[in-house]
Amino acid sequence: MSTIPTGDLFIASRFTRGNLFHPTRIVVNSQHVSRIKPRFFGSNEESISIQKVASVHISTGIIWADIIIESSGGADPITSHGHRKQDAQRIRELIEGYQSARPS
């Protein structure tokens, strides 16, 4: 059974590198940003607290976009390939919206 956190879900395209059998999922909610990479047995999940997101970098191609979410806490950034451009922009908008809604 899947344990995908609740929030806005964005799934990478199966037509991009590393996503053919198990596409990467990004979940954004008011507490954190998670990257879930399913595998044949289990999954690999990384998350960064919304408060700790330092920057969101989007690199676009003709169709797909790569997204890098960097942490201010020194942790490795969350990187995901093969998202639709609109989804990558929406991820950034959600993160910025949640950050601005939180009191400093």
N, C-alpha and C. Protein backbone atom coordinates (compact mmCIF):
# COMPACT_ATOMS: atom_id res chain seq x y z
N MET A 1 0.83 -1.17 0.00
CA MET A 1 0.00 0.00 0.00
C MET A 1 0.88 1.25 0.00
N SER A 2 0.50 2.25 -0.78
CA SER A 2 1.26 3.47 -0.92
C SER A 2 1.06 4.39 0.28
N THR A 3 2.12 5.09 0.66
CA THR A 3 2.04 6.03 1.77
C THR A 3 2.36 7.44 1.30
N ILE A 4 1.78 7.84 0.17
CA ILE A 4 2.03 9.17 -0.37
C ILE A 4 1.40 10.20 0.55
N PRO A 5 2.18 11.20 0.98
CA PRO A 5 1.63 12.24 1.84
C PRO A 5 0.51 13.00 1.14
N THR A 6 -0.37 13.62 1.93
CA THR A 6 -1.45 14.39 1.34
C THR A 6 -0.94 15.76 0.92
N GLY A 7 -1.56 16.33 -0.07
CA GLY A 7 -1.18 17.64 -0.60
C GLY A 7 -1.33 17.63 -2.10
N ASP A 8 -0.80 18.65 -2.75
CA ASP A 8 -0.83 18.72 -4.21
C ASP A 8 0.20 17.75 -4.76
N LEU A 9 -0.23 16.87 -5.67
CA LEU A 9 0.62 15.81 -6.21
C LEU A 9 0.97 16.13 -7.66
N PHE A 10 2.25 15.99 -8.00
CA PHE A 10 2.75 16.21 -9.35
C PHE A 10 3.57 14.99 -9.75
N ILE A 11 3.23 14.39 -10.89
CA ILE A 11 3.88 13.16 -11.34
C ILE A 11 4.68 13.44 -12.60
N ALA A 12 5.94 13.01 -12.62
CA ALA A 12 6.81 13.19 -13.78
C ALA A 12 6.33 12.30 -14.93
N SER A 13 6.68 12.68 -16.13
CA SER A 13 6.31 11.91 -17.31
C SER A 13 7.10 10.62 -17.40
N ARG A 14 6.44 9.57 -17.85
CA ARG A 14 7.12 8.29 -18.07
C ARG A 14 8.07 8.35 -19.26
N PHE A 15 7.95 9.38 -20.10
CA PHE A 15 8.77 9.50 -21.30
C PHE A 15 10.10 10.20 -21.04
N THR A 16 10.45 10.42 -19.78
CA THR A 16 11.70 11.09 -19.44
C THR A 16 12.61 10.14 -18.68
N ARG A 17 13.89 10.49 -18.63
CA ARG A 17 14.89 9.59 -18.03
C ARG A 17 14.57 9.26 -16.57
N GLY A 18 14.73 7.98 -16.25
CA GLY A 18 14.54 7.53 -14.89
C GLY A 18 13.09 7.37 -14.45
N ASN A 19 12.13 7.60 -15.34
CA ASN A 19 10.73 7.57 -14.94
C ASN A 19 9.88 6.54 -15.70
N LEU A 20 10.51 5.70 -16.52
CA LEU A 20 9.76 4.79 -17.37
C LEU A 20 8.83 3.86 -16.60
N PHE A 21 9.36 3.16 -15.62
CA PHE A 21 8.54 2.19 -14.88
C PHE A 21 7.92 2.77 -13.62
N HIS A 22 8.65 3.66 -12.97
CA HIS A 22 8.20 4.23 -11.69
C HIS A 22 8.42 5.74 -11.71
N PRO A 23 7.46 6.51 -12.21
CA PRO A 23 7.67 7.96 -12.29
C PRO A 23 7.77 8.62 -10.92
N THR A 24 8.64 9.61 -10.85
CA THR A 24 8.85 10.38 -9.62
C THR A 24 7.61 11.22 -9.32
N ARG A 25 7.31 11.36 -8.03
CA ARG A 25 6.17 12.15 -7.58
C ARG A 25 6.68 13.24 -6.64
N ILE A 26 6.15 14.43 -6.81
CA ILE A 26 6.43 15.54 -5.90
C ILE A 26 5.11 15.89 -5.20
N VAL A 27 5.15 15.97 -3.87
CA VAL A 27 3.98 16.34 -3.09
C VAL A 27 4.32 17.62 -2.33
N VAL A 28 3.45 18.63 -2.46
CA VAL A 28 3.65 19.90 -1.77
C VAL A 28 2.44 20.14 -0.87
N ASN A 29 2.70 20.39 0.41
CA ASN A 29 1.64 20.79 1.32
C ASN A 29 2.17 21.88 2.24
N SER A 30 1.38 22.33 3.18
CA SER A 30 1.76 23.48 4.00
C SER A 30 2.93 23.19 4.94
N GLN A 31 3.26 21.92 5.18
CA GLN A 31 4.36 21.57 6.08
C GLN A 31 5.67 21.25 5.36
N HIS A 32 5.59 20.56 4.21
CA HIS A 32 6.83 20.13 3.56
C HIS A 32 6.65 19.87 2.06
N VAL A 33 7.79 19.70 1.39
CA VAL A 33 7.85 19.28 0.00
C VAL A 33 8.49 17.90 0.01
N SER A 34 7.84 16.93 -0.63
CA SER A 34 8.37 15.57 -0.66
C SER A 34 8.60 15.11 -2.09
N ARG A 35 9.67 14.35 -2.29
CA ARG A 35 9.95 13.68 -3.56
C ARG A 35 9.89 12.19 -3.28
N ILE A 36 8.99 11.50 -3.95
CA ILE A 36 8.84 10.06 -3.76
C ILE A 36 9.23 9.37 -5.06
N LYS A 37 10.22 8.51 -4.98
CA LYS A 37 10.67 7.74 -6.14
C LYS A 37 10.36 6.28 -5.86
N PRO A 38 9.27 5.76 -6.45
CA PRO A 38 8.93 4.35 -6.25
C PRO A 38 9.99 3.44 -6.89
N ARG A 39 10.13 2.25 -6.32
CA ARG A 39 11.01 1.23 -6.86
C ARG A 39 10.21 -0.06 -6.96
N PHE A 40 10.83 -1.09 -7.50
CA PHE A 40 10.12 -2.37 -7.59
C PHE A 40 9.70 -2.85 -6.20
N PHE A 41 10.58 -2.66 -5.23
CA PHE A 41 10.28 -3.04 -3.85
C PHE A 41 10.47 -1.81 -2.96
N GLY A 42 9.39 -1.16 -2.59
CA GLY A 42 9.46 0.01 -1.72
C GLY A 42 9.57 1.31 -2.49
N SER A 43 10.06 2.31 -1.80
CA SER A 43 10.24 3.62 -2.43
C SER A 43 11.31 4.40 -1.68
N ASN A 44 11.79 5.45 -2.30
CA ASN A 44 12.76 6.34 -1.68
C ASN A 44 12.08 7.70 -1.54
N GLU A 45 12.03 8.24 -0.33
CA GLU A 45 11.35 9.50 -0.10
C GLU A 45 12.30 10.51 0.55
N GLU A 46 12.29 11.73 0.00
CA GLU A 46 13.05 12.84 0.57
C GLU A 46 12.04 13.95 0.83
N SER A 47 12.27 14.72 1.89
CA SER A 47 11.39 15.86 2.12
C SER A 47 12.17 17.01 2.74
N ILE A 48 11.68 18.22 2.48
CA ILE A 48 12.24 19.43 3.05
C ILE A 48 11.07 20.21 3.63
N SER A 49 11.25 20.70 4.84
CA SER A 49 10.23 21.54 5.47
C SER A 49 10.06 22.81 4.64
N ILE A 50 8.81 23.25 4.50
CA ILE A 50 8.53 24.49 3.76
C ILE A 50 9.36 25.64 4.32
N GLN A 51 9.53 25.68 5.63
CA GLN A 51 10.30 26.75 6.26
C GLN A 51 11.77 26.72 5.85
N LYS A 52 12.27 25.54 5.46
CA LYS A 52 13.69 25.37 5.15
C LYS A 52 14.00 25.45 3.65
N VAL A 53 12.98 25.65 2.80
CA VAL A 53 13.23 25.76 1.36
C VAL A 53 13.89 27.11 1.09
N ALA A 54 15.09 27.06 0.50
CA ALA A 54 15.83 28.29 0.22
C ALA A 54 15.55 28.80 -1.18
N SER A 55 15.45 27.88 -2.15
CA SER A 55 15.20 28.30 -3.53
C SER A 55 14.61 27.16 -4.33
N VAL A 56 13.93 27.54 -5.41
CA VAL A 56 13.38 26.58 -6.35
C VAL A 56 13.90 26.95 -7.73
N HIS A 57 14.65 26.04 -8.34
CA HIS A 57 15.24 26.29 -9.66
C HIS A 57 14.52 25.40 -10.67
N ILE A 58 14.04 26.01 -11.76
CA ILE A 58 13.36 25.27 -12.82
C ILE A 58 14.17 25.41 -14.09
N SER A 59 14.50 24.30 -14.71
CA SER A 59 15.21 24.28 -15.98
C SER A 59 14.27 23.68 -17.02
N THR A 60 13.88 24.48 -18.02
CA THR A 60 12.89 24.01 -18.98
C THR A 60 13.54 23.62 -20.30
N GLY A 61 12.94 22.63 -20.92
CA GLY A 61 13.30 22.21 -22.26
C GLY A 61 12.14 22.51 -23.19
N ILE A 62 12.06 21.81 -24.29
CA ILE A 62 10.98 22.04 -25.24
C ILE A 62 9.63 21.66 -24.61
N ILE A 63 9.57 20.52 -23.96
CA ILE A 63 8.32 20.05 -23.38
C ILE A 63 8.40 19.93 -21.87
N TRP A 64 9.49 19.34 -21.37
CA TRP A 64 9.59 18.99 -19.97
C TRP A 64 10.46 19.96 -19.20
N ALA A 65 10.32 19.92 -17.88
CA ALA A 65 11.13 20.77 -17.01
C ALA A 65 11.75 19.92 -15.90
N ASP A 66 12.95 20.31 -15.49
CA ASP A 66 13.59 19.72 -14.33
C ASP A 66 13.45 20.73 -13.20
N ILE A 67 13.29 20.24 -11.99
CA ILE A 67 13.11 21.12 -10.85
C ILE A 67 14.10 20.75 -9.76
N ILE A 68 14.73 21.76 -9.17
CA ILE A 68 15.66 21.56 -8.05
C ILE A 68 15.18 22.44 -6.91
N ILE A 69 14.91 21.82 -5.78
CA ILE A 69 14.44 22.52 -4.59
C ILE A 69 15.56 22.45 -3.56
N GLU A 70 16.15 23.60 -3.26
CA GLU A 70 17.30 23.64 -2.36
C GLU A 70 16.87 24.00 -0.95
N SER A 71 17.59 23.44 0.01
CA SER A 71 17.30 23.64 1.43
C SER A 71 18.26 24.64 2.04
N SER A 72 17.76 25.43 2.98
CA SER A 72 18.64 26.35 3.70
C SER A 72 19.36 25.63 4.84
N GLY A 73 18.98 24.41 5.13
CA GLY A 73 19.57 23.66 6.23
C GLY A 73 20.80 22.87 5.85
N GLY A 74 21.28 22.99 4.61
CA GLY A 74 22.49 22.30 4.21
C GLY A 74 22.27 20.89 3.70
N ALA A 75 21.02 20.43 3.66
CA ALA A 75 20.72 19.09 3.15
C ALA A 75 20.84 19.08 1.63
N ASP A 76 20.95 17.90 1.06
CA ASP A 76 20.99 17.78 -0.39
C ASP A 76 19.67 18.30 -0.98
N PRO A 77 19.75 18.95 -2.15
CA PRO A 77 18.52 19.45 -2.76
C PRO A 77 17.65 18.30 -3.28
N ILE A 78 16.36 18.56 -3.41
CA ILE A 78 15.44 17.63 -4.03
C ILE A 78 15.48 17.92 -5.53
N THR A 79 15.79 16.91 -6.33
CA THR A 79 15.88 17.06 -7.78
C THR A 79 14.91 16.10 -8.44
N SER A 80 14.18 16.59 -9.44
CA SER A 80 13.24 15.74 -10.16
C SER A 80 13.23 16.15 -11.63
N HIS A 81 13.22 15.16 -12.51
CA HIS A 81 13.27 15.37 -13.95
C HIS A 81 11.93 15.01 -14.59
N GLY A 82 11.59 15.68 -15.67
CA GLY A 82 10.48 15.26 -16.51
C GLY A 82 9.10 15.73 -16.11
N HIS A 83 9.00 16.87 -15.46
CA HIS A 83 7.68 17.41 -15.12
C HIS A 83 7.23 18.35 -16.22
N ARG A 84 5.92 18.49 -16.36
CA ARG A 84 5.40 19.47 -17.31
C ARG A 84 5.80 20.86 -16.82
N LYS A 85 6.02 21.77 -17.75
CA LYS A 85 6.44 23.12 -17.37
C LYS A 85 5.44 23.77 -16.42
N GLN A 86 4.15 23.59 -16.70
CA GLN A 86 3.11 24.17 -15.86
C GLN A 86 3.16 23.60 -14.45
N ASP A 87 3.44 22.30 -14.34
CA ASP A 87 3.53 21.67 -13.02
C ASP A 87 4.72 22.23 -12.24
N ALA A 88 5.86 22.40 -12.91
CA ALA A 88 7.05 22.94 -12.23
C ALA A 88 6.77 24.35 -11.72
N GLN A 89 6.12 25.16 -12.52
CA GLN A 89 5.78 26.52 -12.10
C GLN A 89 4.78 26.50 -10.95
N ARG A 90 3.83 25.58 -11.00
CA ARG A 90 2.84 25.46 -9.92
C ARG A 90 3.50 25.02 -8.62
N ILE A 91 4.48 24.12 -8.70
CA ILE A 91 5.22 23.69 -7.50
C ILE A 91 5.87 24.91 -6.86
N ARG A 92 6.54 25.74 -7.68
CA ARG A 92 7.19 26.94 -7.15
C ARG A 92 6.16 27.89 -6.53
N GLU A 93 5.03 28.09 -7.21
CA GLU A 93 3.97 28.98 -6.69
C GLU A 93 3.45 28.48 -5.34
N LEU A 94 3.22 27.18 -5.22
CA LEU A 94 2.72 26.62 -3.96
C LEU A 94 3.71 26.84 -2.83
N ILE A 95 4.99 26.54 -3.10
CA ILE A 95 6.03 26.70 -2.08
C ILE A 95 6.09 28.15 -1.63
N GLU A 96 6.15 29.07 -2.59
CA GLU A 96 6.22 30.49 -2.24
C GLU A 96 4.98 30.95 -1.50
N GLY A 97 3.81 30.44 -1.88
CA GLY A 97 2.57 30.78 -1.20
C GLY A 97 2.55 30.29 0.23
N TYR A 98 2.98 29.05 0.46
CA TYR A 98 3.02 28.51 1.82
C TYR A 98 4.04 29.27 2.67
N GLN A 99 5.18 29.63 2.07
CA GLN A 99 6.19 30.36 2.83
C GLN A 99 5.70 31.76 3.22
N SER A 100 5.00 32.44 2.33
CA SER A 100 4.54 33.78 2.64
C SER A 100 3.36 33.78 3.61
N ALA A 101 2.63 32.66 3.68
CA ALA A 101 1.50 32.55 4.60
C ALA A 101 1.95 32.28 6.03
N ARG A 102 3.16 31.77 6.20
CA ARG A 102 3.67 31.46 7.55
C ARG A 102 4.24 32.70 8.20
N PRO A 103 3.96 32.90 9.49
CA PRO A 103 4.58 34.03 10.19
C PRO A 103 6.08 33.77 10.35
N SER A 104 6.88 34.81 10.27
CA SER A 104 8.35 34.68 10.38
C SER A 104 8.79 34.42 11.79
